[in-house]
C-alpha atoms as a PDB file:
ATOM      1  CA  UNK A   1     175.896  47.184  76.433  1.00  0.00           C
ATOM      2  CA  UNK A   2     172.602  45.514  75.601  1.00  0.00           C
ATOM      3  CA  UNK A   3     170.788  46.828  72.544  1.00  0.00           C
ATOM      4  CA  UNK A   4     167.431  45.776  71.141  1.00  0.00           C
ATOM      5  CA  UNK A   5     166.489  46.869  67.642  1.00  0.00           C
ATOM      6  CA  UNK A   6     162.964  46.279  66.371  1.00  0.00           C
ATOM      7  CA  UNK A   7     161.907  46.144  62.745  1.00  0.00           C
ATOM      8  CA  UNK A   8     158.989  44.972  60.647  1.00  0.00           C
ATOM      9  CA  UNK A   9     156.300  47.447  61.567  1.00  0.00           C
ATOM     10  CA  UNK A  10     154.138  49.229  59.039  1.00  0.00           C
ATOM     11  CA  UNK A  11     150.661  49.833  57.710  1.00  0.00           C
ATOM     12  CA  UNK A  12     148.431  46.823  57.121  1.00  0.00           C
ATOM     13  CA  UNK A  13     144.753  46.312  56.399  1.00  0.00           C
ATOM     14  CA  UNK A  14     142.473  44.607  58.912  1.00  0.00           C
ATOM     15  CA  UNK A  15     142.859  40.849  58.637  1.00  0.00           C
ATOM     16  CA  UNK A  16     146.419  41.176  57.403  1.00  0.00           C
ATOM     17  CA  UNK A  17     149.685  39.947  58.900  1.00  0.00           C
ATOM     18  CA  UNK A  18     153.019  41.358  59.955  1.00  0.00           C
ATOM     19  CA  UNK A  19     156.126  39.861  61.501  1.00  0.00           C
ATOM     20  CA  UNK A  20     158.137  41.971  63.896  1.00  0.00           C
ATOM     21  CA  UNK A  21     161.786  41.246  64.600  1.00  0.00           C
ATOM     22  CA  UNK A  22     163.924  42.189  67.587  1.00  0.00           C
ATOM     23  CA  UNK A  23     167.654  41.818  67.088  1.00  0.00           C
ATOM     24  CA  UNK A  24     169.587  41.733  70.351  1.00  0.00           C
ATOM     25  CA  UNK A  25     173.236  42.589  70.813  1.00  0.00           C
ATOM     26  CA  UNK A  26     175.466  42.713  73.847  1.00  0.00           C
ATOM     27  CA  UNK A  27     173.745  39.765  75.514  1.00  0.00           C
ATOM     28  CA  UNK A  28     172.372  36.391  74.525  1.00  0.00           C
ATOM     29  CA  UNK A  29     168.603  35.917  74.359  1.00  0.00           C
ATOM     30  CA  UNK A  30     169.076  32.396  75.753  1.00  0.00           C
ATOM     31  CA  UNK A  31     169.062  33.867  79.256  1.00  0.00           C
ATOM     32  CA  UNK A  32     166.190  35.712  80.883  1.00  0.00           C
ATOM     33  CA  UNK A  33     162.798  36.641  79.477  1.00  0.00           C
ATOM     34  CA  UNK A  34     162.193  38.193  76.083  1.00  0.00           C
ATOM     35  CA  UNK A  35     158.940  39.944  75.386  1.00  0.00           C
ATOM     36  CA  UNK A  36     156.872  42.257  73.266  1.00  0.00           C
ATOM     37  CA  UNK A  37     154.841  45.131  74.653  1.00  0.00           C
ATOM     38  CA  UNK A  38     152.761  47.778  72.952  1.00  0.00           C
ATOM     39  CA  UNK A  39     151.512  51.263  73.626  1.00  0.00           C
ATOM     40  CA  UNK A  40     148.597  52.857  71.842  1.00  0.00           C
ATOM     41  CA  UNK A  41     148.053  56.644  71.856  1.00  0.00           C
ATOM     42  CA  UNK A  42     146.689  57.787  75.195  1.00  0.00           C
ATOM     43  CA  UNK A  43     147.062  54.355  76.758  1.00  0.00           C
ATOM     44  CA  UNK A  44     149.538  52.670  79.035  1.00  0.00           C
ATOM     45  CA  UNK A  45     152.118  50.253  77.735  1.00  0.00           C
ATOM     46  CA  UNK A  46     150.805  46.703  77.919  1.00  0.00           C
ATOM     47  CA  UNK A  47     152.206  43.221  77.651  1.00  0.00           C
ATOM     48  CA  UNK A  48     151.639  41.418  74.371  1.00  0.00           C
ATOM     49  CA  UNK A  49     153.708  38.247  74.684  1.00  0.00           C
ATOM     50  CA  UNK A  50     156.712  36.863  76.545  1.00  0.00           C
ATOM     51  CA  UNK A  51     159.004  33.878  76.223  1.00  0.00           C
ATOM     52  CA  UNK A  52     161.253  32.473  78.935  1.00  0.00           C
ATOM     53  CA  UNK A  53     164.683  30.960  78.449  1.00  0.00           C
ATOM     54  CA  UNK A  54     163.172  27.482  78.348  1.00  0.00           C
ATOM     55  CA  UNK A  55     160.544  28.497  75.812  1.00  0.00           C
ATOM     56  CA  UNK A  56     157.500  29.002  78.010  1.00  0.00           C
ATOM     57  CA  UNK A  57     155.211  31.556  76.399  1.00  0.00           C
ATOM     58  CA  UNK A  58     152.573  33.907  77.737  1.00  0.00           C
ATOM     59  CA  UNK A  59     150.117  36.020  75.761  1.00  0.00           C
ATOM     60  CA  UNK A  60     147.682  38.793  76.461  1.00  0.00           C
ATOM     61  CA  UNK A  61     144.107  37.544  76.115  1.00  0.00           C
ATOM     62  CA  UNK A  62     143.484  40.041  73.326  1.00  0.00           C
ATOM     63  CA  UNK A  63     146.111  38.439  71.064  1.00  0.00           C
ATOM     64  CA  UNK A  64     145.821  34.736  71.935  1.00  0.00           C
ATOM     65  CA  UNK A  65     145.338  32.638  68.838  1.00  0.00           C
ATOM     66  CA  UNK A  66     146.468  35.475  66.553  1.00  0.00           C
ATOM     67  CA  UNK A  67     150.014  36.333  67.649  1.00  0.00           C
ATOM     68  CA  UNK A  68     152.991  34.016  68.099  1.00  0.00           C
ATOM     69  CA  UNK A  69     156.296  34.818  69.780  1.00  0.00           C
ATOM     70  CA  UNK A  70     159.354  32.862  68.726  1.00  0.00           C
ATOM     71  CA  UNK A  71     163.114  33.155  68.691  1.00  0.00           C
ATOM     72  CA  UNK A  72     166.164  32.166  66.708  1.00  0.00           C
ATOM     73  CA  UNK A  73     169.042  31.686  69.130  1.00  0.00           C
ATOM     74  CA  UNK A  74     171.604  31.506  66.333  1.00  0.00           C
ATOM     75  CA  UNK A  75     170.542  34.970  65.145  1.00  0.00           C
ATOM     76  CA  UNK A  76     169.953  36.256  68.685  1.00  0.00           C
ATOM     77  CA  UNK A  77     166.584  37.489  67.434  1.00  0.00           C
ATOM     78  CA  UNK A  78     163.051  37.333  68.750  1.00  0.00           C
ATOM     79  CA  UNK A  79     160.003  37.509  66.503  1.00  0.00           C
ATOM     80  CA  UNK A  80     156.343  38.354  66.846  1.00  0.00           C
ATOM     81  CA  UNK A  81     154.140  36.915  64.120  1.00  0.00           C
ATOM     82  CA  UNK A  82     150.867  38.831  64.048  1.00  0.00           C
ATOM     83  CA  UNK A  83     147.948  37.430  62.075  1.00  0.00           C
ATOM     84  CA  UNK A  84     144.362  38.558  61.626  1.00  0.00           C
ATOM     85  CA  UNK A  85     145.312  42.060  62.701  1.00  0.00           C
ATOM     86  CA  UNK A  86     142.600  44.376  63.980  1.00  0.00           C
ATOM     87  CA  UNK A  87     142.440  48.178  64.178  1.00  0.00           C
ATOM     88  CA  UNK A  88     142.750  47.905  67.958  1.00  0.00           C
ATOM     89  CA  UNK A  89     146.208  46.345  67.468  1.00  0.00           C
ATOM     90  CA  UNK A  90     147.454  49.729  66.276  1.00  0.00           C
ATOM     91  CA  UNK A  91     150.288  50.791  68.575  1.00  0.00           C
ATOM     92  CA  UNK A  92     154.012  51.202  68.932  1.00  0.00           C
ATOM     93  CA  UNK A  93     155.449  47.771  69.645  1.00  0.00           C
ATOM     94  CA  UNK A  94     158.467  47.471  71.915  1.00  0.00           C
ATOM     95  CA  UNK A  95     160.885  44.622  72.422  1.00  0.00           C
ATOM     96  CA  UNK A  96     161.791  43.928  76.034  1.00  0.00           C
ATOM     97  CA  UNK A  97     164.445  41.885  77.774  1.00  0.00           C
ATOM     98  CA  UNK A  98     164.547  41.039  81.472  1.00  0.00           C
ATOM     99  CA  UNK A  99     167.445  39.366  83.242  1.00  0.00           C
ATOM    100  CA  UNK A 100     167.284  39.404  87.012  1.00  0.00           C
ATOM    101  CA  UNK A 101     166.701  43.004  88.066  1.00  0.00           C
ATOM    102  CA  UNK A 102     167.737  44.464  84.721  1.00  0.00           C
ATOM    103  CA  UNK A 103     165.236  45.524  82.059  1.00  0.00           C
ATOM    104  CA  UNK A 104     166.014  46.698  78.549  1.00  0.00           C
ATOM    105  CA  UNK A 105     163.771  48.232  75.886  1.00  0.00           C
ATOM    106  CA  UNK A 106     164.064  48.742  72.187  1.00  0.00           C
ATOM    107  CA  UNK A 107     163.144  51.990  70.478  1.00  0.00           C
ATOM    108  CA  UNK A 108     159.813  50.658  69.217  1.00  0.00           C
ATOM    109  CA  UNK A 109     158.246  50.081  65.831  1.00  0.00           C
ATOM    110  CA  UNK A 110     154.891  51.458  64.688  1.00  0.00           C
ATOM    111  CA  UNK A 111     152.128  49.085  63.649  1.00  0.00           C
ATOM    112  CA  UNK A 112     149.051  50.653  62.083  1.00  0.00           C
ATOM    113  CA  UNK A 113     146.024  48.564  61.151  1.00  0.00           C
ATOM    114  CA  UNK A 114     143.666  50.509  58.935  1.00  0.00           C
ATOM    115  CA  UNK A 115     141.719  50.217  55.728  1.00  0.00           C
END
């Protein structure tokens, strides 16, 4: 059974940084696509960043240049480094894994950017 567990969320001031972690179990992150999505109150869930098995990355325009997705295969963990955070980045952030027709989600971690 595939499980994704996010951590690292919290409250940060505008301009600050956070690093989210997504620890995967039950399946290796070397296969498929790993990604981060977010959902703000009253809005639809949206893509933040993805990384393919060969390391190709994709970012939402709103986070390009500020966020970086990476992974540690030995730890079976995916990260999202978030710099220069803005109030509009406030959302619940979800880890996502796609392999073929199967999609898995973590439980989410809250990120709040406020002074």
